[in-house]
Amino acid sequence: MVVADVLNQYFIPVQIDVNNAGDLLNRYKVAWTPNLNIIDADGNLFYHQEGWFPPSEFIPMAFCGYGQYRLRNKNYEEAGDCFNRVFDRYPVSYFASEALFYKGVANYLASHKVELLKESWIMLQRFYPDSTWAIRSNIL
């Protein structure tokens, strides 16, 4: 899967000229470009990243963003699938640790089984012990 396929299948990509963006720069607090915001049709922000990512990192980042959109809309199983896809297909990605963290969250919210949260967070601490996400999950 290439970046264009992911963008076209899961998103409606919009490129904004920052010189003519008007209120959008203020609304989304744009400090730097490139600036990726995953928003819904009402303009609600679900995920934000600044800076350039190579294609090998852009795809897992996009799936983390899509997972956040699903999670915050209470589509927990679909969110879990997105986060699981990142961990399974892109385990060396910078975003794999974030995906494992939220995979646990999504699985817990879908089932209310704390074992599913613990399972993901234990894997997170084992595979990515130096990540900020491992630190955040260190309450186990």
N, C-alpha and C. Protein backbone atom coordinates (compact mmCIF):
# COMPACT_ATOMS: atom_id res chain seq x y z
N MET A 1 0.85 -1.17 0.00
CA MET A 1 0.00 0.00 0.00
C MET A 1 0.90 1.24 0.00
N VAL A 2 0.58 2.18 -0.86
CA VAL A 2 1.35 3.43 -0.93
C VAL A 2 0.55 4.56 -0.29
N VAL A 3 1.22 5.66 0.00
CA VAL A 3 0.60 6.78 0.70
C VAL A 3 -0.67 7.25 -0.01
N ALA A 4 -0.60 7.40 -1.32
CA ALA A 4 -1.78 7.88 -2.06
C ALA A 4 -2.96 6.95 -1.88
N ASP A 5 -2.73 5.64 -1.87
CA ASP A 5 -3.81 4.68 -1.67
C ASP A 5 -4.46 4.85 -0.30
N VAL A 6 -3.64 5.01 0.73
CA VAL A 6 -4.16 5.19 2.09
C VAL A 6 -4.97 6.47 2.18
N LEU A 7 -4.41 7.55 1.66
CA LEU A 7 -5.12 8.83 1.71
C LEU A 7 -6.46 8.76 0.98
N ASN A 8 -6.47 8.17 -0.20
CA ASN A 8 -7.70 8.13 -0.98
C ASN A 8 -8.72 7.13 -0.45
N GLN A 9 -8.27 6.08 0.21
CA GLN A 9 -9.20 5.08 0.72
C GLN A 9 -9.82 5.47 2.06
N TYR A 10 -9.07 6.15 2.91
CA TYR A 10 -9.53 6.42 4.27
C TYR A 10 -9.82 7.89 4.57
N PHE A 11 -9.41 8.79 3.69
CA PHE A 11 -9.52 10.22 3.97
C PHE A 11 -10.01 10.97 2.74
N ILE A 12 -10.35 12.22 2.96
CA ILE A 12 -10.57 13.16 1.88
C ILE A 12 -9.45 14.18 1.99
N PRO A 13 -8.36 13.97 1.26
CA PRO A 13 -7.20 14.85 1.42
C PRO A 13 -7.49 16.25 0.89
N VAL A 14 -7.05 17.23 1.65
CA VAL A 14 -7.19 18.63 1.27
C VAL A 14 -5.85 19.30 1.52
N GLN A 15 -5.35 19.98 0.53
CA GLN A 15 -4.11 20.73 0.69
C GLN A 15 -4.46 22.21 0.71
N ILE A 16 -3.97 22.89 1.74
CA ILE A 16 -4.27 24.30 1.93
C ILE A 16 -3.02 25.14 1.66
N ASP A 17 -3.18 26.21 0.93
CA ASP A 17 -2.10 27.17 0.73
C ASP A 17 -2.05 28.05 1.96
N VAL A 18 -0.98 27.94 2.76
CA VAL A 18 -0.91 28.68 4.02
C VAL A 18 -0.90 30.19 3.80
N ASN A 19 -0.52 30.63 2.62
CA ASN A 19 -0.53 32.07 2.34
C ASN A 19 -1.94 32.60 2.11
N ASN A 20 -2.88 31.71 1.86
CA ASN A 20 -4.26 32.11 1.61
C ASN A 20 -5.24 31.34 2.49
N ALA A 21 -4.80 30.85 3.63
CA ALA A 21 -5.63 29.99 4.47
C ALA A 21 -6.57 30.74 5.39
N GLY A 22 -6.32 32.00 5.59
CA GLY A 22 -7.20 32.79 6.44
C GLY A 22 -7.30 32.24 7.85
N ASP A 23 -8.53 32.05 8.31
CA ASP A 23 -8.80 31.65 9.69
C ASP A 23 -8.37 30.21 10.01
N LEU A 24 -8.18 29.38 8.98
CA LEU A 24 -7.81 27.98 9.24
C LEU A 24 -6.51 27.86 10.04
N LEU A 25 -5.54 28.72 9.75
CA LEU A 25 -4.28 28.67 10.48
C LEU A 25 -4.50 28.94 11.96
N ASN A 26 -5.34 29.87 12.28
CA ASN A 26 -5.64 30.17 13.68
C ASN A 26 -6.52 29.09 14.29
N ARG A 27 -7.50 28.63 13.55
CA ARG A 27 -8.42 27.62 14.09
C ARG A 27 -7.68 26.36 14.53
N TYR A 28 -6.72 25.92 13.72
CA TYR A 28 -5.99 24.68 14.03
C TYR A 28 -4.60 24.94 14.61
N LYS A 29 -4.34 26.18 14.99
CA LYS A 29 -3.10 26.55 15.69
C LYS A 29 -1.86 26.07 14.93
N VAL A 30 -1.83 26.34 13.65
CA VAL A 30 -0.72 25.90 12.81
C VAL A 30 0.52 26.72 13.14
N ALA A 31 1.56 26.03 13.56
CA ALA A 31 2.83 26.68 13.88
C ALA A 31 3.88 26.37 12.82
N TRP A 32 3.73 25.23 12.14
CA TRP A 32 4.77 24.76 11.22
C TRP A 32 4.13 23.90 10.14
N THR A 33 4.80 23.83 9.00
CA THR A 33 4.32 22.97 7.93
C THR A 33 5.42 21.99 7.56
N PRO A 34 5.09 20.85 6.99
CA PRO A 34 3.73 20.38 6.76
C PRO A 34 2.98 20.16 8.07
N ASN A 35 1.69 20.29 7.98
CA ASN A 35 0.81 20.19 9.14
C ASN A 35 -0.36 19.31 8.75
N LEU A 36 -0.48 18.16 9.41
CA LEU A 36 -1.55 17.22 9.09
C LEU A 36 -2.58 17.24 10.21
N ASN A 37 -3.81 17.50 9.84
CA ASN A 37 -4.92 17.48 10.79
C ASN A 37 -5.98 16.52 10.26
N ILE A 38 -6.41 15.61 11.09
CA ILE A 38 -7.52 14.73 10.74
C ILE A 38 -8.74 15.30 11.43
N ILE A 39 -9.67 15.76 10.60
CA ILE A 39 -10.87 16.40 11.10
C ILE A 39 -12.10 15.74 10.49
N ASP A 40 -13.26 15.95 11.10
CA ASP A 40 -14.50 15.44 10.52
C ASP A 40 -15.16 16.55 9.69
N ALA A 41 -16.34 16.26 9.16
CA ALA A 41 -17.04 17.20 8.29
C ALA A 41 -17.41 18.49 9.02
N ASP A 42 -17.50 18.44 10.34
CA ASP A 42 -17.82 19.63 11.12
C ASP A 42 -16.58 20.41 11.55
N GLY A 43 -15.41 19.93 11.18
CA GLY A 43 -14.17 20.61 11.53
C GLY A 43 -13.60 20.22 12.88
N ASN A 44 -14.16 19.18 13.51
CA ASN A 44 -13.64 18.72 14.80
C ASN A 44 -12.32 18.00 14.58
N LEU A 45 -11.31 18.36 15.36
CA LEU A 45 -9.97 17.80 15.23
C LEU A 45 -9.85 16.49 16.01
N PHE A 46 -9.31 15.46 15.35
CA PHE A 46 -9.12 14.15 15.97
C PHE A 46 -7.66 13.74 16.10
N TYR A 47 -6.81 14.31 15.25
CA TYR A 47 -5.40 13.92 15.26
C TYR A 47 -4.60 15.02 14.59
N HIS A 48 -3.39 15.23 15.08
CA HIS A 48 -2.57 16.32 14.57
C HIS A 48 -1.09 15.91 14.59
N GLN A 49 -0.41 16.20 13.51
CA GLN A 49 1.04 16.00 13.43
C GLN A 49 1.65 17.13 12.62
N GLU A 50 2.81 17.59 13.05
CA GLU A 50 3.55 18.59 12.28
C GLU A 50 4.87 18.00 11.84
N GLY A 51 5.33 18.46 10.69
CA GLY A 51 6.61 18.02 10.18
C GLY A 51 6.46 16.96 9.10
N TRP A 52 7.54 16.76 8.40
CA TRP A 52 7.57 15.83 7.28
C TRP A 52 7.84 14.42 7.77
N PHE A 53 7.15 13.44 7.16
CA PHE A 53 7.39 12.03 7.43
C PHE A 53 7.66 11.32 6.12
N PRO A 54 8.64 10.41 6.09
CA PRO A 54 8.84 9.61 4.88
C PRO A 54 7.66 8.67 4.69
N PRO A 55 7.45 8.16 3.50
CA PRO A 55 6.32 7.25 3.27
C PRO A 55 6.26 6.09 4.25
N SER A 56 7.42 5.56 4.65
CA SER A 56 7.44 4.43 5.57
C SER A 56 6.86 4.78 6.94
N GLU A 57 6.85 6.07 7.30
CA GLU A 57 6.26 6.51 8.56
C GLU A 57 4.91 7.18 8.35
N PHE A 58 4.68 7.72 7.17
CA PHE A 58 3.42 8.41 6.92
C PHE A 58 2.24 7.45 6.98
N ILE A 59 2.38 6.27 6.44
CA ILE A 59 1.27 5.31 6.43
C ILE A 59 0.90 4.88 7.85
N PRO A 60 1.83 4.44 8.70
CA PRO A 60 1.43 4.10 10.07
C PRO A 60 0.89 5.30 10.83
N MET A 61 1.42 6.49 10.57
CA MET A 61 0.89 7.70 11.21
C MET A 61 -0.55 7.94 10.79
N ALA A 62 -0.83 7.77 9.51
CA ALA A 62 -2.20 7.97 9.02
C ALA A 62 -3.16 6.96 9.65
N PHE A 63 -2.73 5.71 9.79
CA PHE A 63 -3.60 4.71 10.43
C PHE A 63 -3.80 5.01 11.91
N CYS A 64 -2.78 5.56 12.59
CA CYS A 64 -2.97 5.98 13.98
C CYS A 64 -4.01 7.10 14.03
N GLY A 65 -3.92 8.03 13.11
CA GLY A 65 -4.90 9.11 13.06
C GLY A 65 -6.30 8.62 12.77
N TYR A 66 -6.42 7.69 11.85
CA TYR A 66 -7.73 7.13 11.53
C TYR A 66 -8.27 6.35 12.72
N GLY A 67 -7.39 5.65 13.41
CA GLY A 67 -7.79 4.94 14.62
C GLY A 67 -8.29 5.89 15.69
N GLN A 68 -7.64 7.06 15.82
CA GLN A 68 -8.10 8.06 16.78
C GLN A 68 -9.48 8.57 16.41
N TYR A 69 -9.72 8.78 15.14
CA TYR A 69 -11.04 9.20 14.67
C TYR A 69 -12.09 8.17 15.06
N ARG A 70 -11.79 6.91 14.80
CA ARG A 70 -12.73 5.83 15.15
C ARG A 70 -12.90 5.71 16.67
N LEU A 71 -11.83 5.80 17.42
CA LEU A 71 -11.88 5.70 18.87
C LEU A 71 -12.76 6.79 19.47
N ARG A 72 -12.56 8.00 19.04
CA ARG A 72 -13.28 9.13 19.61
C ARG A 72 -14.74 9.20 19.15
N ASN A 73 -15.06 8.42 18.13
CA ASN A 73 -16.46 8.27 17.71
C ASN A 73 -17.08 6.99 18.25
N LYS A 74 -16.39 6.37 19.23
CA LYS A 74 -16.85 5.18 19.94
C LYS A 74 -17.02 3.95 19.03
N ASN A 75 -16.27 3.92 17.94
CA ASN A 75 -16.19 2.73 17.09
C ASN A 75 -14.95 1.95 17.52
N TYR A 76 -15.05 1.37 18.72
CA TYR A 76 -13.87 0.80 19.38
C TYR A 76 -13.26 -0.37 18.63
N GLU A 77 -14.08 -1.24 18.06
CA GLU A 77 -13.52 -2.39 17.35
C GLU A 77 -12.77 -1.94 16.09
N GLU A 78 -13.34 -0.99 15.36
CA GLU A 78 -12.67 -0.48 14.17
C GLU A 78 -11.38 0.25 14.56
N ALA A 79 -11.43 1.00 15.66
CA ALA A 79 -10.23 1.68 16.15
C ALA A 79 -9.15 0.66 16.49
N GLY A 80 -9.54 -0.38 17.23
CA GLY A 80 -8.59 -1.43 17.58
C GLY A 80 -7.96 -2.07 16.36
N ASP A 81 -8.77 -2.27 15.31
CA ASP A 81 -8.25 -2.83 14.07
C ASP A 81 -7.20 -1.91 13.43
N CYS A 82 -7.46 -0.61 13.46
CA CYS A 82 -6.49 0.35 12.90
C CYS A 82 -5.17 0.30 13.66
N PHE A 83 -5.27 0.33 14.98
CA PHE A 83 -4.05 0.33 15.79
C PHE A 83 -3.32 -1.00 15.66
N ASN A 84 -4.07 -2.09 15.58
CA ASN A 84 -3.45 -3.40 15.41
C ASN A 84 -2.73 -3.48 14.07
N ARG A 85 -3.31 -2.88 13.04
CA ARG A 85 -2.69 -2.88 11.71
C ARG A 85 -1.32 -2.20 11.77
N VAL A 86 -1.23 -1.10 12.51
CA VAL A 86 0.06 -0.40 12.62
C VAL A 86 1.09 -1.30 13.29
N PHE A 87 0.72 -1.89 14.41
CA PHE A 87 1.66 -2.74 15.13
C PHE A 87 2.05 -3.97 14.31
N ASP A 88 1.09 -4.60 13.67
CA ASP A 88 1.36 -5.82 12.89
C ASP A 88 2.19 -5.55 11.63
N ARG A 89 1.84 -4.50 10.89
CA ARG A 89 2.48 -4.26 9.60
C ARG A 89 3.70 -3.35 9.67
N TYR A 90 3.77 -2.54 10.71
CA TYR A 90 4.86 -1.55 10.81
C TYR A 90 5.48 -1.58 12.21
N PRO A 91 5.96 -2.73 12.66
CA PRO A 91 6.43 -2.85 14.04
C PRO A 91 7.67 -2.02 14.36
N VAL A 92 8.42 -1.60 13.36
CA VAL A 92 9.60 -0.78 13.63
C VAL A 92 9.31 0.71 13.44
N SER A 93 8.08 1.04 13.14
CA SER A 93 7.70 2.43 12.96
C SER A 93 7.72 3.19 14.28
N TYR A 94 7.99 4.46 14.19
CA TYR A 94 7.91 5.36 15.34
C TYR A 94 6.50 5.30 15.94
N PHE A 95 5.47 5.06 15.13
CA PHE A 95 4.08 5.08 15.57
C PHE A 95 3.59 3.75 16.13
N ALA A 96 4.41 2.70 16.08
CA ALA A 96 3.98 1.39 16.58
C ALA A 96 3.70 1.42 18.08
N SER A 97 4.49 2.14 18.84
CA SER A 97 4.27 2.21 20.29
C SER A 97 2.97 2.94 20.61
N GLU A 98 2.70 4.01 19.90
CA GLU A 98 1.42 4.73 20.08
C GLU A 98 0.25 3.81 19.73
N ALA A 99 0.41 3.05 18.66
CA ALA A 99 -0.66 2.14 18.23
C ALA A 99 -0.93 1.07 19.29
N LEU A 100 0.12 0.52 19.88
CA LEU A 100 -0.08 -0.49 20.93
C LEU A 100 -0.77 0.10 22.15
N PHE A 101 -0.41 1.32 22.52
CA PHE A 101 -1.06 1.98 23.65
C PHE A 101 -2.57 2.09 23.40
N TYR A 102 -2.92 2.63 22.24
CA TYR A 102 -4.34 2.85 21.96
C TYR A 102 -5.07 1.57 21.55
N LYS A 103 -4.34 0.57 21.09
CA LYS A 103 -4.97 -0.73 20.86
C LYS A 103 -5.53 -1.25 22.18
N GLY A 104 -4.73 -1.14 23.23
CA GLY A 104 -5.20 -1.56 24.56
C GLY A 104 -6.40 -0.76 25.01
N VAL A 105 -6.36 0.55 24.80
CA VAL A 105 -7.47 1.42 25.19
C VAL A 105 -8.74 1.03 24.42
N ALA A 106 -8.62 0.88 23.11
CA ALA A 106 -9.79 0.53 22.29
C ALA A 106 -10.35 -0.83 22.67
N ASN A 107 -9.47 -1.80 22.90
CA ASN A 107 -9.94 -3.14 23.27
C ASN A 107 -10.63 -3.12 24.63
N TYR A 108 -10.10 -2.34 25.56
CA TYR A 108 -10.74 -2.23 26.86
C TYR A 108 -12.11 -1.56 26.74
N LEU A 109 -12.17 -0.46 26.01
CA LEU A 109 -13.45 0.24 25.87
C LEU A 109 -14.50 -0.60 25.14
N ALA A 110 -14.06 -1.46 24.24
CA ALA A 110 -15.00 -2.33 23.52
C ALA A 110 -15.52 -3.46 24.40
N SER A 111 -14.70 -3.94 25.33
CA SER A 111 -15.05 -5.15 26.08
C SER A 111 -15.19 -4.94 27.59
N HIS A 112 -14.57 -3.88 28.11
CA HIS A 112 -14.46 -3.63 29.56
C HIS A 112 -13.71 -4.76 30.26
N LYS A 113 -12.82 -5.43 29.50
CA LYS A 113 -11.96 -6.47 30.06
C LYS A 113 -10.56 -5.89 30.25
N VAL A 114 -10.19 -5.70 31.50
CA VAL A 114 -8.90 -5.10 31.80
C VAL A 114 -7.74 -5.96 31.30
N GLU A 115 -7.97 -7.27 31.15
CA GLU A 115 -6.91 -8.16 30.65
C GLU A 115 -6.45 -7.74 29.25
N LEU A 116 -7.40 -7.25 28.42
CA LEU A 116 -7.04 -6.85 27.06
C LEU A 116 -6.20 -5.57 27.07
N LEU A 117 -6.49 -4.68 27.99
CA LEU A 117 -5.67 -3.49 28.15
C LEU A 117 -4.27 -3.88 28.62
N LYS A 118 -4.20 -4.72 29.63
CA LYS A 118 -2.91 -5.17 30.17
C LYS A 118 -2.08 -5.89 29.12
N GLU A 119 -2.73 -6.73 28.33
CA GLU A 119 -2.01 -7.48 27.29
C GLU A 119 -1.27 -6.54 26.35
N SER A 120 -1.97 -5.51 25.85
CA SER A 120 -1.33 -4.56 24.93
C SER A 120 -0.26 -3.75 25.63
N TRP A 121 -0.53 -3.31 26.84
CA TRP A 121 0.43 -2.46 27.53
C TRP A 121 1.67 -3.23 27.99
N ILE A 122 1.53 -4.50 28.31
CA ILE A 122 2.70 -5.32 28.64
C ILE A 122 3.56 -5.51 27.39
N MET A 123 2.91 -5.75 26.24
CA MET A 123 3.65 -5.84 24.98
C MET A 123 4.35 -4.52 24.68
N LEU A 124 3.66 -3.43 24.91
CA LEU A 124 4.23 -2.10 24.69
C LEU A 124 5.49 -1.91 25.52
N GLN A 125 5.42 -2.26 26.79
CA GLN A 125 6.58 -2.10 27.66
C GLN A 125 7.71 -3.04 27.29
N ARG A 126 7.37 -4.20 26.76
CA ARG A 126 8.40 -5.17 26.37
C ARG A 126 9.10 -4.75 25.07
N PHE A 127 8.32 -4.35 24.06
CA PHE A 127 8.90 -4.06 22.75
C PHE A 127 9.41 -2.63 22.60
N TYR A 128 8.82 -1.68 23.33
CA TYR A 128 9.18 -0.27 23.19
C TYR A 128 9.40 0.37 24.56
N PRO A 129 10.30 -0.18 25.36
CA PRO A 129 10.45 0.27 26.75
C PRO A 129 10.88 1.73 26.89
N ASP A 130 11.54 2.29 25.88
CA ASP A 130 12.02 3.66 25.98
C ASP A 130 11.06 4.69 25.36
N SER A 131 9.91 4.23 24.92
CA SER A 131 8.97 5.16 24.29
C SER A 131 8.18 5.92 25.34
N THR A 132 7.70 7.08 24.96
CA THR A 132 6.84 7.84 25.87
C THR A 132 5.54 7.08 26.15
N TRP A 133 5.13 6.25 25.22
CA TRP A 133 3.89 5.48 25.40
C TRP A 133 4.08 4.39 26.46
N ALA A 134 5.28 3.82 26.54
CA ALA A 134 5.55 2.85 27.61
C ALA A 134 5.51 3.53 28.97
N ILE A 135 6.03 4.73 29.03
CA ILE A 135 5.98 5.49 30.29
C ILE A 135 4.52 5.73 30.69
N ARG A 136 3.69 6.11 29.73
CA ARG A 136 2.29 6.39 30.02
C ARG A 136 1.50 5.16 30.46
N SER A 137 1.98 4.01 30.04
CA SER A 137 1.27 2.76 30.39
C SER A 137 1.88 2.09 31.61
N ASN A 138 2.80 2.74 32.27
CA ASN A 138 3.55 2.12 33.35
C ASN A 138 2.79 2.11 34.68
N ILE A 139 1.48 2.15 34.63
CA ILE A 139 0.67 2.10 35.85
C ILE A 139 0.27 0.68 36.19
N LEU A 140 0.65 -0.27 35.35
CA LEU A 140 0.26 -1.67 35.57
C LEU A 140 0.98 -2.25 36.76
